[in-house]
Amino acid sequence: MVRVFRTATFLTAFFYAVTAFSQVPPGVPYNPGKHPNPIVTYIQTKDFRKTTYADAKKLSGFDPLGLSEKEGERQSIEIAEPKPATQKIVLPNDEFPLIKVEYLPVVRQTYILKTGLSLVLDGFKFPKVPIPMNDLTGTLNDAAFRPGDKYWKSRFGPSMVPERVNVRGVAALLFDDNHEFVLFWREGTECYVVKTKASRTDLFRIVADLL
């Protein structure tokens, strides 16, 4: 009876996570040794190169959010372009088992906070996914939150299942490995990922004040 209850509870939590969040961008399983974070897995950390804000804005196609001077000082701005831009992604879905996703550049801003800790802010536009809007959320989030097994590698790799939180008036995902926080959210077509060792309280305050 206990085992049945635990299974039911897990499935309920899994279904809630899948349906409650907007969409997790499709991608290959996260590898901490290669990828910037559990969300952005279509480029590698080594792909980032220094650039100017003007060029980053031009290449990415949008004006990314940034920290105010009262919170910290920007140390660098970088950009990474997916190569190739269109990549094949496998999904655990009978109707869409393999899709071709068109990814866009990622803008990275690195800051030193007033506390002396660093904060990395990655911004990018949501990729172009060939799935009908009615099926998009369920299909992508099922792939993102599905636990790994011998047939399927977890989308978030070794990262713990993220906590569902709210920031800036939208649903967000918070990864906490007891070492640093990784926070992901989406505002329209723009997506953001923050990585920092700052406290949870400071993280949420800083994100709320992004300009």
N, C-alpha and C. Protein backbone atom coordinates (compact mmCIF):
# COMPACT_ATOMS: atom_id res chain seq x y z
N MET A 1 0.83 -1.20 0.00
CA MET A 1 0.00 0.00 0.00
C MET A 1 0.86 1.25 0.00
N VAL A 2 1.93 1.22 0.83
CA VAL A 2 2.82 2.38 0.90
C VAL A 2 3.52 2.60 -0.43
N ARG A 3 3.95 1.50 -1.05
CA ARG A 3 4.64 1.60 -2.33
C ARG A 3 3.72 2.18 -3.39
N VAL A 4 2.46 1.74 -3.41
CA VAL A 4 1.49 2.25 -4.37
C VAL A 4 1.26 3.73 -4.16
N PHE A 5 1.15 4.14 -2.88
CA PHE A 5 0.93 5.54 -2.56
C PHE A 5 2.10 6.39 -3.00
N ARG A 6 3.33 5.92 -2.77
CA ARG A 6 4.51 6.67 -3.17
C ARG A 6 4.58 6.82 -4.68
N THR A 7 4.23 5.75 -5.40
CA THR A 7 4.24 5.81 -6.85
C THR A 7 3.22 6.82 -7.36
N ALA A 8 2.03 6.79 -6.77
CA ALA A 8 0.99 7.72 -7.17
C ALA A 8 1.39 9.15 -6.88
N THR A 9 2.02 9.34 -5.72
CA THR A 9 2.48 10.68 -5.34
C THR A 9 3.52 11.19 -6.33
N PHE A 10 4.48 10.33 -6.70
CA PHE A 10 5.51 10.72 -7.66
C PHE A 10 4.90 11.09 -9.00
N LEU A 11 3.95 10.27 -9.48
CA LEU A 11 3.34 10.54 -10.78
C LEU A 11 2.54 11.84 -10.74
N THR A 12 1.89 12.11 -9.61
CA THR A 12 1.14 13.36 -9.47
C THR A 12 2.07 14.55 -9.52
N ALA A 13 3.20 14.45 -8.78
CA ALA A 13 4.18 15.54 -8.76
C ALA A 13 4.79 15.73 -10.14
N PHE A 14 5.06 14.61 -10.83
CA PHE A 14 5.64 14.69 -12.16
C PHE A 14 4.68 15.36 -13.13
N PHE A 15 3.41 14.98 -13.09
CA PHE A 15 2.42 15.58 -13.97
C PHE A 15 2.26 17.07 -13.68
N TYR A 16 2.30 17.43 -12.40
CA TYR A 16 2.17 18.85 -12.03
C TYR A 16 3.34 19.65 -12.58
N ALA A 17 4.54 19.11 -12.46
CA ALA A 17 5.72 19.82 -12.95
C ALA A 17 5.66 20.00 -14.46
N VAL A 18 5.18 18.98 -15.15
CA VAL A 18 5.10 19.03 -16.61
C VAL A 18 4.11 20.09 -17.08
N THR A 19 2.95 20.14 -16.41
CA THR A 19 1.90 21.01 -16.89
C THR A 19 1.97 22.42 -16.33
N ALA A 20 2.61 22.59 -15.17
CA ALA A 20 2.57 23.89 -14.50
C ALA A 20 3.54 24.91 -15.11
N PHE A 21 4.66 24.44 -15.65
CA PHE A 21 5.64 25.35 -16.20
C PHE A 21 5.33 25.63 -17.67
N SER A 22 5.82 26.75 -18.21
CA SER A 22 5.52 27.09 -19.60
C SER A 22 6.18 26.09 -20.55
N GLN A 23 7.45 26.28 -20.86
CA GLN A 23 8.17 25.28 -21.65
C GLN A 23 9.65 25.30 -21.29
N VAL A 24 10.23 24.13 -21.16
CA VAL A 24 11.68 24.00 -21.01
C VAL A 24 12.24 23.80 -22.41
N PRO A 25 13.22 24.58 -22.84
CA PRO A 25 13.78 24.41 -24.18
C PRO A 25 14.28 22.99 -24.40
N PRO A 26 14.06 22.43 -25.57
CA PRO A 26 14.56 21.08 -25.84
C PRO A 26 16.08 21.09 -25.91
N GLY A 27 16.69 19.96 -25.59
CA GLY A 27 18.14 19.89 -25.64
C GLY A 27 18.62 18.50 -25.31
N VAL A 28 19.90 18.27 -25.49
CA VAL A 28 20.50 16.99 -25.13
C VAL A 28 20.68 16.95 -23.62
N PRO A 29 20.88 15.77 -23.03
CA PRO A 29 21.08 15.67 -21.59
C PRO A 29 22.26 16.53 -21.11
N TYR A 30 22.07 17.18 -19.98
CA TYR A 30 23.06 18.08 -19.41
C TYR A 30 24.32 17.34 -18.97
N ASN A 31 25.47 17.87 -19.38
CA ASN A 31 26.78 17.36 -18.97
C ASN A 31 27.53 18.51 -18.30
N PRO A 32 27.70 18.50 -16.99
CA PRO A 32 28.35 19.60 -16.28
C PRO A 32 29.75 19.93 -16.79
N GLY A 33 30.42 18.94 -17.36
CA GLY A 33 31.77 19.16 -17.87
C GLY A 33 31.81 19.87 -19.21
N LYS A 34 30.64 19.98 -19.87
CA LYS A 34 30.59 20.59 -21.19
C LYS A 34 29.66 21.79 -21.28
N HIS A 35 28.49 21.66 -20.68
CA HIS A 35 27.45 22.66 -20.88
C HIS A 35 27.43 23.74 -19.80
N PRO A 36 26.96 24.95 -20.15
CA PRO A 36 26.94 26.07 -19.20
C PRO A 36 26.04 25.84 -17.99
N ASN A 37 24.90 25.17 -18.21
CA ASN A 37 23.94 24.94 -17.14
C ASN A 37 22.94 23.87 -17.60
N PRO A 38 22.05 23.42 -16.72
CA PRO A 38 21.12 22.34 -17.09
C PRO A 38 20.11 22.70 -18.18
N ILE A 39 19.94 23.98 -18.46
CA ILE A 39 18.97 24.41 -19.47
C ILE A 39 19.62 24.55 -20.85
N VAL A 40 20.75 25.24 -20.90
CA VAL A 40 21.44 25.51 -22.16
C VAL A 40 22.42 24.38 -22.46
N THR A 41 21.98 23.40 -23.25
CA THR A 41 22.84 22.26 -23.57
C THR A 41 23.09 22.13 -25.07
N TYR A 42 22.74 23.16 -25.83
CA TYR A 42 22.96 23.13 -27.28
C TYR A 42 24.23 23.88 -27.68
N ILE A 43 24.93 24.41 -26.69
CA ILE A 43 26.28 24.96 -26.88
C ILE A 43 27.15 24.42 -25.75
N GLN A 44 28.44 24.64 -25.87
CA GLN A 44 29.35 24.25 -24.80
C GLN A 44 29.96 25.50 -24.16
N THR A 45 30.38 25.38 -22.93
CA THR A 45 30.94 26.52 -22.20
C THR A 45 32.12 27.12 -22.95
N LYS A 46 32.91 26.29 -23.60
CA LYS A 46 34.08 26.77 -24.32
C LYS A 46 33.72 27.58 -25.57
N ASP A 47 32.46 27.57 -25.97
CA ASP A 47 32.03 28.30 -27.17
C ASP A 47 31.88 29.80 -26.95
N PHE A 48 31.85 30.23 -25.70
CA PHE A 48 31.68 31.66 -25.43
C PHE A 48 32.93 32.44 -25.82
N ARG A 49 32.71 33.60 -26.43
CA ARG A 49 33.80 34.50 -26.78
C ARG A 49 33.40 35.92 -26.40
N LYS A 50 34.39 36.73 -26.10
CA LYS A 50 34.12 38.11 -25.70
C LYS A 50 33.54 38.91 -26.86
N THR A 51 32.67 39.83 -26.53
CA THR A 51 32.04 40.67 -27.54
C THR A 51 31.63 41.99 -26.91
N THR A 52 30.98 42.84 -27.67
CA THR A 52 30.45 44.09 -27.14
C THR A 52 28.95 43.95 -26.97
N TYR A 53 28.37 44.83 -26.20
CA TYR A 53 26.92 44.75 -25.98
C TYR A 53 26.18 44.97 -27.30
N ALA A 54 26.67 45.90 -28.11
CA ALA A 54 26.01 46.19 -29.38
C ALA A 54 26.02 44.97 -30.30
N ASP A 55 27.16 44.30 -30.39
CA ASP A 55 27.24 43.12 -31.24
C ASP A 55 26.41 41.96 -30.68
N ALA A 56 26.41 41.83 -29.35
CA ALA A 56 25.63 40.77 -28.73
C ALA A 56 24.14 40.97 -29.01
N LYS A 57 23.71 42.20 -28.91
CA LYS A 57 22.31 42.53 -29.18
C LYS A 57 21.96 42.24 -30.64
N LYS A 58 22.87 42.56 -31.55
CA LYS A 58 22.63 42.34 -32.97
C LYS A 58 22.57 40.85 -33.30
N LEU A 59 23.50 40.08 -32.78
CA LEU A 59 23.56 38.66 -33.10
C LEU A 59 22.43 37.86 -32.45
N SER A 60 22.07 38.26 -31.23
CA SER A 60 21.04 37.51 -30.50
C SER A 60 19.63 37.88 -30.93
N GLY A 61 19.47 39.10 -31.47
CA GLY A 61 18.16 39.54 -31.93
C GLY A 61 17.27 40.12 -30.86
N PHE A 62 17.84 40.45 -29.69
CA PHE A 62 17.05 41.08 -28.64
C PHE A 62 17.97 41.86 -27.69
N ASP A 63 17.34 42.67 -26.85
CA ASP A 63 18.05 43.52 -25.90
C ASP A 63 17.98 42.85 -24.52
N PRO A 64 19.01 42.10 -24.12
CA PRO A 64 18.93 41.32 -22.88
C PRO A 64 18.89 42.17 -21.61
N LEU A 65 18.25 41.61 -20.60
CA LEU A 65 18.20 42.26 -19.29
C LEU A 65 19.60 42.31 -18.69
N GLY A 66 19.79 43.22 -17.72
CA GLY A 66 21.07 43.33 -17.04
C GLY A 66 20.88 43.84 -15.62
N LEU A 67 21.94 43.75 -14.80
CA LEU A 67 21.89 44.21 -13.43
C LEU A 67 22.06 45.73 -13.36
N SER A 68 21.43 46.31 -12.36
CA SER A 68 21.63 47.73 -12.11
C SER A 68 22.95 47.92 -11.38
N GLU A 69 23.51 49.11 -11.46
CA GLU A 69 24.80 49.39 -10.83
C GLU A 69 24.76 49.25 -9.32
N LYS A 70 23.58 49.40 -8.74
CA LYS A 70 23.48 49.28 -7.28
C LYS A 70 23.68 47.84 -6.81
N GLU A 71 23.49 46.87 -7.72
CA GLU A 71 23.63 45.47 -7.36
C GLU A 71 25.02 44.91 -7.67
N GLY A 72 25.66 45.41 -8.73
CA GLY A 72 26.97 44.88 -9.07
C GLY A 72 27.55 45.51 -10.31
N GLU A 73 28.76 45.13 -10.62
CA GLU A 73 29.48 45.69 -11.77
C GLU A 73 29.73 44.59 -12.80
N ARG A 74 29.41 44.89 -14.05
CA ARG A 74 29.63 43.91 -15.11
C ARG A 74 31.10 43.80 -15.43
N GLN A 75 31.61 42.58 -15.43
CA GLN A 75 33.01 42.31 -15.71
C GLN A 75 33.26 41.96 -17.16
N SER A 76 32.28 41.32 -17.78
CA SER A 76 32.47 40.92 -19.18
C SER A 76 31.13 40.62 -19.82
N ILE A 77 31.12 40.65 -21.15
CA ILE A 77 29.97 40.21 -21.92
C ILE A 77 30.48 39.31 -23.03
N GLU A 78 29.83 38.17 -23.19
CA GLU A 78 30.27 37.17 -24.16
C GLU A 78 29.07 36.66 -24.95
N ILE A 79 29.37 35.98 -26.01
CA ILE A 79 28.31 35.37 -26.81
C ILE A 79 28.77 34.01 -27.31
N ALA A 80 27.82 33.09 -27.42
CA ALA A 80 28.09 31.76 -27.95
C ALA A 80 27.04 31.45 -29.00
N GLU A 81 27.50 31.05 -30.18
CA GLU A 81 26.60 30.73 -31.27
C GLU A 81 26.54 29.21 -31.46
N PRO A 82 25.34 28.65 -31.48
CA PRO A 82 25.22 27.21 -31.66
C PRO A 82 25.73 26.76 -33.03
N LYS A 83 26.53 25.71 -33.03
CA LYS A 83 27.08 25.20 -34.28
C LYS A 83 26.92 23.69 -34.30
N PRO A 84 26.03 23.21 -35.18
CA PRO A 84 25.20 23.97 -36.12
C PRO A 84 24.01 24.61 -35.42
N ALA A 85 23.39 25.57 -36.09
CA ALA A 85 22.24 26.25 -35.50
C ALA A 85 21.04 25.32 -35.40
N THR A 86 20.88 24.44 -36.37
CA THR A 86 19.79 23.46 -36.36
C THR A 86 20.33 22.11 -35.91
N GLN A 87 19.72 21.58 -34.84
CA GLN A 87 20.20 20.33 -34.26
C GLN A 87 19.05 19.36 -34.09
N LYS A 88 19.35 18.07 -34.23
CA LYS A 88 18.34 17.03 -34.06
C LYS A 88 18.25 16.66 -32.58
N ILE A 89 17.03 16.65 -32.07
CA ILE A 89 16.79 16.33 -30.67
C ILE A 89 15.81 15.16 -30.57
N VAL A 90 16.17 14.16 -29.79
CA VAL A 90 15.32 12.99 -29.58
C VAL A 90 14.37 13.29 -28.42
N LEU A 91 13.09 12.93 -28.59
CA LEU A 91 12.09 13.13 -27.56
C LEU A 91 11.40 11.81 -27.24
N PRO A 92 10.97 11.62 -25.99
CA PRO A 92 10.24 10.39 -25.63
C PRO A 92 8.77 10.53 -25.99
N ASN A 93 8.51 10.71 -27.27
CA ASN A 93 7.16 10.98 -27.74
C ASN A 93 6.92 10.23 -29.05
N ASP A 94 5.85 9.45 -29.11
CA ASP A 94 5.58 8.64 -30.30
C ASP A 94 5.26 9.50 -31.53
N GLU A 95 4.64 10.64 -31.31
CA GLU A 95 4.25 11.51 -32.43
C GLU A 95 5.41 12.37 -32.90
N PHE A 96 6.29 12.77 -31.95
CA PHE A 96 7.44 13.61 -32.28
C PHE A 96 8.71 12.98 -31.71
N PRO A 97 9.12 11.83 -32.23
CA PRO A 97 10.29 11.13 -31.66
C PRO A 97 11.62 11.81 -31.97
N LEU A 98 11.67 12.55 -33.08
CA LEU A 98 12.90 13.25 -33.48
C LEU A 98 12.52 14.57 -34.14
N ILE A 99 13.03 15.66 -33.61
CA ILE A 99 12.71 16.98 -34.16
C ILE A 99 13.99 17.73 -34.50
N LYS A 100 13.88 18.67 -35.44
CA LYS A 100 14.99 19.54 -35.79
C LYS A 100 14.71 20.92 -35.18
N VAL A 101 15.56 21.30 -34.24
CA VAL A 101 15.37 22.55 -33.50
C VAL A 101 16.37 23.60 -33.97
N GLU A 102 15.87 24.80 -34.22
CA GLU A 102 16.74 25.91 -34.62
C GLU A 102 17.05 26.76 -33.39
N TYR A 103 18.30 26.74 -32.98
CA TYR A 103 18.73 27.47 -31.79
C TYR A 103 19.34 28.82 -32.16
N LEU A 104 19.31 29.74 -31.21
CA LEU A 104 19.82 31.09 -31.40
C LEU A 104 20.95 31.37 -30.41
N PRO A 105 21.78 32.39 -30.68
CA PRO A 105 22.93 32.68 -29.82
C PRO A 105 22.55 32.96 -28.36
N VAL A 106 23.50 32.69 -27.47
CA VAL A 106 23.33 32.94 -26.05
C VAL A 106 24.26 34.09 -25.63
N VAL A 107 23.69 35.09 -24.98
CA VAL A 107 24.46 36.23 -24.48
C VAL A 107 24.78 36.00 -23.01
N ARG A 108 26.04 36.09 -22.64
CA ARG A 108 26.46 35.88 -21.25
C ARG A 108 27.03 37.16 -20.67
N GLN A 109 26.50 37.58 -19.53
CA GLN A 109 27.03 38.72 -18.80
C GLN A 109 27.50 38.23 -17.43
N THR A 110 28.72 38.57 -17.09
CA THR A 110 29.28 38.17 -15.80
C THR A 110 29.45 39.40 -14.92
N TYR A 111 28.93 39.32 -13.71
CA TYR A 111 28.96 40.45 -12.78
C TYR A 111 29.67 40.08 -11.49
N ILE A 112 30.23 41.09 -10.84
CA ILE A 112 30.69 40.97 -9.46
C ILE A 112 29.70 41.76 -8.61
N LEU A 113 29.04 41.06 -7.69
CA LEU A 113 28.04 41.69 -6.86
C LEU A 113 28.70 42.54 -5.78
N LYS A 114 27.91 43.36 -5.13
CA LYS A 114 28.42 44.21 -4.06
C LYS A 114 28.96 43.37 -2.90
N THR A 115 28.49 42.16 -2.81
CA THR A 115 28.96 41.25 -1.75
C THR A 115 30.31 40.62 -2.10
N GLY A 116 30.77 40.81 -3.34
CA GLY A 116 32.03 40.21 -3.78
C GLY A 116 31.85 38.90 -4.51
N LEU A 117 30.65 38.35 -4.48
CA LEU A 117 30.37 37.10 -5.19
C LEU A 117 30.09 37.38 -6.66
N SER A 118 30.25 36.36 -7.49
CA SER A 118 29.99 36.54 -8.91
C SER A 118 28.58 36.08 -9.26
N LEU A 119 28.08 36.60 -10.35
CA LEU A 119 26.77 36.19 -10.87
C LEU A 119 26.86 36.16 -12.39
N VAL A 120 26.43 35.06 -12.98
CA VAL A 120 26.44 34.89 -14.44
C VAL A 120 25.00 34.91 -14.94
N LEU A 121 24.75 35.77 -15.90
CA LEU A 121 23.41 35.91 -16.47
C LEU A 121 23.45 35.54 -17.95
N ASP A 122 22.82 34.44 -18.31
CA ASP A 122 22.73 34.01 -19.70
C ASP A 122 21.34 34.36 -20.24
N GLY A 123 21.30 34.94 -21.42
CA GLY A 123 20.03 35.29 -22.05
C GLY A 123 19.98 34.80 -23.49
N PHE A 124 18.82 34.34 -23.92
CA PHE A 124 18.67 33.83 -25.28
C PHE A 124 17.20 33.81 -25.65
N LYS A 125 16.93 33.76 -26.92
CA LYS A 125 15.55 33.65 -27.39
C LYS A 125 15.17 32.17 -27.46
N PHE A 126 13.92 31.91 -27.15
CA PHE A 126 13.45 30.52 -27.16
C PHE A 126 13.64 29.96 -28.57
N PRO A 127 14.15 28.73 -28.67
CA PRO A 127 14.42 28.15 -30.00
C PRO A 127 13.16 27.92 -30.81
N LYS A 128 13.36 27.75 -32.11
CA LYS A 128 12.25 27.45 -33.02
C LYS A 128 12.05 25.94 -33.05
N VAL A 129 10.88 25.52 -32.56
CA VAL A 129 10.59 24.09 -32.40
C VAL A 129 9.43 23.68 -33.31
N PRO A 130 9.61 22.67 -34.15
CA PRO A 130 8.55 22.25 -35.11
C PRO A 130 7.48 21.37 -34.47
N ILE A 131 6.84 21.89 -33.43
CA ILE A 131 5.76 21.17 -32.77
C ILE A 131 4.57 22.13 -32.66
N PRO A 132 3.36 21.69 -32.98
CA PRO A 132 2.19 22.57 -32.87
C PRO A 132 2.05 23.15 -31.47
N MET A 133 1.56 24.38 -31.38
CA MET A 133 1.43 25.07 -30.09
C MET A 133 0.62 24.26 -29.08
N ASN A 134 -0.42 23.58 -29.55
CA ASN A 134 -1.27 22.81 -28.64
C ASN A 134 -0.51 21.66 -27.97
N ASP A 135 0.54 21.17 -28.62
CA ASP A 135 1.30 20.04 -28.10
C ASP A 135 2.65 20.46 -27.50
N LEU A 136 3.02 21.71 -27.69
CA LEU A 136 4.38 22.15 -27.37
C LEU A 136 4.73 21.99 -25.89
N THR A 137 3.91 22.56 -25.01
CA THR A 137 4.23 22.53 -23.58
C THR A 137 4.32 21.12 -23.03
N GLY A 138 3.31 20.32 -23.28
CA GLY A 138 3.31 18.96 -22.76
C GLY A 138 4.45 18.12 -23.29
N THR A 139 4.73 18.25 -24.58
CA THR A 139 5.78 17.44 -25.20
C THR A 139 7.16 17.81 -24.67
N LEU A 140 7.48 19.10 -24.63
CA LEU A 140 8.79 19.54 -24.17
C LEU A 140 9.00 19.29 -22.69
N ASN A 141 7.98 19.55 -21.88
CA ASN A 141 8.14 19.38 -20.45
C ASN A 141 8.15 17.92 -20.03
N ASP A 142 7.46 17.09 -20.80
CA ASP A 142 7.54 15.65 -20.54
C ASP A 142 8.97 15.17 -20.75
N ALA A 143 9.61 15.66 -21.81
CA ALA A 143 11.00 15.29 -22.09
C ALA A 143 11.94 15.84 -21.02
N ALA A 144 11.65 17.04 -20.52
CA ALA A 144 12.53 17.68 -19.55
C ALA A 144 12.45 17.03 -18.17
N PHE A 145 11.25 16.71 -17.72
CA PHE A 145 11.06 16.22 -16.35
C PHE A 145 11.02 14.70 -16.24
N ARG A 146 11.02 14.01 -17.36
CA ARG A 146 10.95 12.54 -17.30
C ARG A 146 12.22 12.00 -16.62
N PRO A 147 12.08 11.15 -15.62
CA PRO A 147 13.25 10.58 -14.94
C PRO A 147 14.07 9.71 -15.89
N GLY A 148 15.35 9.65 -15.66
CA GLY A 148 16.22 8.82 -16.49
C GLY A 148 16.06 7.34 -16.16
N ASP A 149 16.22 6.52 -17.18
CA ASP A 149 16.22 5.07 -16.99
C ASP A 149 17.10 4.47 -18.07
N LYS A 150 17.04 3.15 -18.28
CA LYS A 150 17.93 2.52 -19.25
C LYS A 150 17.57 2.87 -20.69
N TYR A 151 16.36 3.47 -20.88
CA TYR A 151 15.95 3.85 -22.23
C TYR A 151 16.02 5.36 -22.47
N TRP A 152 16.14 6.11 -21.40
CA TRP A 152 16.06 7.57 -21.52
C TRP A 152 17.04 8.25 -20.56
N LYS A 153 17.86 9.15 -21.09
CA LYS A 153 18.79 9.90 -20.24
C LYS A 153 18.12 11.19 -19.77
N SER A 154 18.22 11.46 -18.50
CA SER A 154 17.56 12.63 -17.92
C SER A 154 18.01 13.92 -18.60
N ARG A 155 17.06 14.77 -18.96
CA ARG A 155 17.35 16.06 -19.61
C ARG A 155 18.26 16.92 -18.75
N PHE A 156 18.08 16.87 -17.43
CA PHE A 156 18.87 17.70 -16.52
C PHE A 156 20.13 16.99 -16.03
N GLY A 157 20.46 15.85 -16.61
CA GLY A 157 21.68 15.15 -16.25
C GLY A 157 21.73 14.82 -14.77
N PRO A 158 22.90 15.03 -14.13
CA PRO A 158 23.04 14.70 -12.71
C PRO A 158 22.40 15.73 -11.78
N SER A 159 21.88 16.82 -12.32
CA SER A 159 21.26 17.85 -11.48
C SER A 159 20.00 17.31 -10.81
N MET A 160 19.73 17.81 -9.62
CA MET A 160 18.53 17.41 -8.91
C MET A 160 17.31 18.00 -9.61
N VAL A 161 16.16 17.39 -9.39
CA VAL A 161 14.92 17.92 -9.97
C VAL A 161 14.73 19.35 -9.44
N PRO A 162 14.52 20.31 -10.34
CA PRO A 162 14.41 21.70 -9.90
C PRO A 162 13.13 22.00 -9.13
N GLU A 163 13.23 23.00 -8.29
CA GLU A 163 12.07 23.48 -7.55
C GLU A 163 11.31 24.48 -8.42
N ARG A 164 9.99 24.40 -8.40
CA ARG A 164 9.18 25.36 -9.14
C ARG A 164 8.95 26.58 -8.26
N VAL A 165 9.34 27.75 -8.77
CA VAL A 165 9.21 29.00 -8.03
C VAL A 165 8.61 30.06 -8.96
N ASN A 166 8.42 31.25 -8.45
CA ASN A 166 7.93 32.36 -9.25
C ASN A 166 8.88 33.54 -9.14
N VAL A 167 9.25 34.12 -10.27
CA VAL A 167 10.08 35.32 -10.30
C VAL A 167 9.54 36.25 -11.38
N ARG A 168 9.57 37.52 -11.12
CA ARG A 168 9.18 38.52 -12.10
C ARG A 168 7.78 38.26 -12.67
N GLY A 169 6.93 37.65 -11.85
CA GLY A 169 5.56 37.39 -12.25
C GLY A 169 5.35 36.18 -13.14
N VAL A 170 6.38 35.35 -13.30
CA VAL A 170 6.26 34.16 -14.15
C VAL A 170 6.80 32.93 -13.41
N ALA A 171 6.42 31.74 -13.90
CA ALA A 171 6.92 30.50 -13.32
C ALA A 171 8.40 30.34 -13.66
N ALA A 172 9.15 29.77 -12.74
CA ALA A 172 10.59 29.59 -12.93
C ALA A 172 11.03 28.26 -12.32
N LEU A 173 12.23 27.83 -12.69
CA LEU A 173 12.81 26.61 -12.14
C LEU A 173 14.09 26.96 -11.40
N LEU A 174 14.23 26.43 -10.18
CA LEU A 174 15.40 26.71 -9.36
C LEU A 174 16.13 25.41 -9.06
N PHE A 175 17.38 25.33 -9.52
CA PHE A 175 18.26 24.20 -9.22
C PHE A 175 19.15 24.59 -8.04
N ASP A 176 19.27 23.71 -7.06
CA ASP A 176 20.09 23.98 -5.88
C ASP A 176 20.87 22.72 -5.53
N ASP A 177 22.19 22.77 -5.75
CA ASP A 177 23.03 21.61 -5.44
C ASP A 177 23.80 21.80 -4.14
N ASN A 178 23.34 22.76 -3.31
CA ASN A 178 24.00 23.11 -2.05
C ASN A 178 25.37 23.73 -2.26
N HIS A 179 25.66 24.11 -3.50
CA HIS A 179 26.92 24.77 -3.84
C HIS A 179 26.65 26.10 -4.51
N GLU A 180 25.68 26.10 -5.44
CA GLU A 180 25.25 27.33 -6.10
C GLU A 180 23.84 27.16 -6.62
N PHE A 181 23.21 28.29 -6.91
CA PHE A 181 21.86 28.28 -7.46
C PHE A 181 21.92 28.48 -8.97
N VAL A 182 20.99 27.83 -9.66
CA VAL A 182 20.77 28.07 -11.09
C VAL A 182 19.28 28.32 -11.25
N LEU A 183 18.93 29.48 -11.75
CA LEU A 183 17.53 29.88 -11.88
C LEU A 183 17.19 30.13 -13.34
N PHE A 184 16.12 29.49 -13.82
CA PHE A 184 15.69 29.65 -15.21
C PHE A 184 14.26 30.16 -15.26
N TRP A 185 14.01 31.13 -16.14
CA TRP A 185 12.65 31.58 -16.39
C TRP A 185 12.54 32.12 -17.81
N ARG A 186 11.29 32.33 -18.25
CA ARG A 186 11.02 32.80 -19.59
C ARG A 186 10.08 34.00 -19.56
N GLU A 187 10.42 35.03 -20.31
CA GLU A 187 9.58 36.21 -20.43
C GLU A 187 9.25 36.40 -21.92
N GLY A 188 8.08 35.94 -22.34
CA GLY A 188 7.75 35.99 -23.76
C GLY A 188 8.64 35.05 -24.54
N THR A 189 9.34 35.58 -25.53
CA THR A 189 10.26 34.75 -26.32
C THR A 189 11.67 34.74 -25.73
N GLU A 190 11.91 35.56 -24.70
CA GLU A 190 13.23 35.66 -24.09
C GLU A 190 13.36 34.72 -22.90
N CYS A 191 14.50 34.05 -22.81
CA CYS A 191 14.78 33.13 -21.71
C CYS A 191 16.04 33.58 -20.97
N TYR A 192 16.06 33.33 -19.68
CA TYR A 192 17.21 33.73 -18.87
C TYR A 192 17.59 32.63 -17.89
N VAL A 193 18.91 32.52 -17.67
CA VAL A 193 19.43 31.59 -16.68
C VAL A 193 20.47 32.34 -15.84
N VAL A 194 20.26 32.35 -14.52
CA VAL A 194 21.21 32.99 -13.61
C VAL A 194 21.91 31.90 -12.81
N LYS A 195 23.22 32.04 -12.67
CA LYS A 195 24.00 31.11 -11.86
C LYS A 195 24.81 31.93 -10.85
N THR A 196 24.70 31.60 -9.57
CA THR A 196 25.42 32.35 -8.55
C THR A 196 25.48 31.57 -7.24
N LYS A 197 26.45 31.96 -6.40
CA LYS A 197 26.56 31.41 -5.05
C LYS A 197 25.98 32.36 -4.02
N ALA A 198 25.35 33.43 -4.50
CA ALA A 198 24.70 34.36 -3.59
C ALA A 198 23.56 33.65 -2.86
N SER A 199 23.09 34.23 -1.78
CA SER A 199 22.01 33.61 -1.02
C SER A 199 20.73 33.60 -1.83
N ARG A 200 19.83 32.74 -1.43
CA ARG A 200 18.54 32.65 -2.11
C ARG A 200 17.80 33.99 -2.06
N THR A 201 17.86 34.64 -0.91
CA THR A 201 17.19 35.94 -0.75
C THR A 201 17.77 36.98 -1.70
N ASP A 202 19.10 37.04 -1.76
CA ASP A 202 19.75 38.00 -2.65
C ASP A 202 19.46 37.68 -4.11
N LEU A 203 19.46 36.40 -4.45
CA LEU A 203 19.20 36.00 -5.83
C LEU A 203 17.84 36.49 -6.29
N PHE A 204 16.81 36.24 -5.49
CA PHE A 204 15.47 36.63 -5.90
C PHE A 204 15.31 38.15 -5.94
N ARG A 205 15.97 38.85 -5.04
CA ARG A 205 15.90 40.32 -5.06
C ARG A 205 16.57 40.87 -6.30
N ILE A 206 17.74 40.34 -6.63
CA ILE A 206 18.49 40.80 -7.78
C ILE A 206 17.72 40.54 -9.08
N VAL A 207 17.17 39.35 -9.21
CA VAL A 207 16.42 39.00 -10.42
C VAL A 207 15.19 39.90 -10.57
N ALA A 208 14.54 40.21 -9.46
CA ALA A 208 13.36 41.06 -9.51
C ALA A 208 13.71 42.47 -9.99
N ASP A 209 14.96 42.89 -9.75
CA ASP A 209 15.39 44.25 -10.10
C ASP A 209 16.11 44.35 -11.45
N LEU A 210 16.18 43.23 -12.19
CA LEU A 210 16.85 43.28 -13.49
C LEU A 210 16.17 44.30 -14.40
N LEU A 211 17.01 45.01 -15.17
CA LEU A 211 16.50 46.07 -16.03
C LEU A 211 16.63 45.67 -17.51
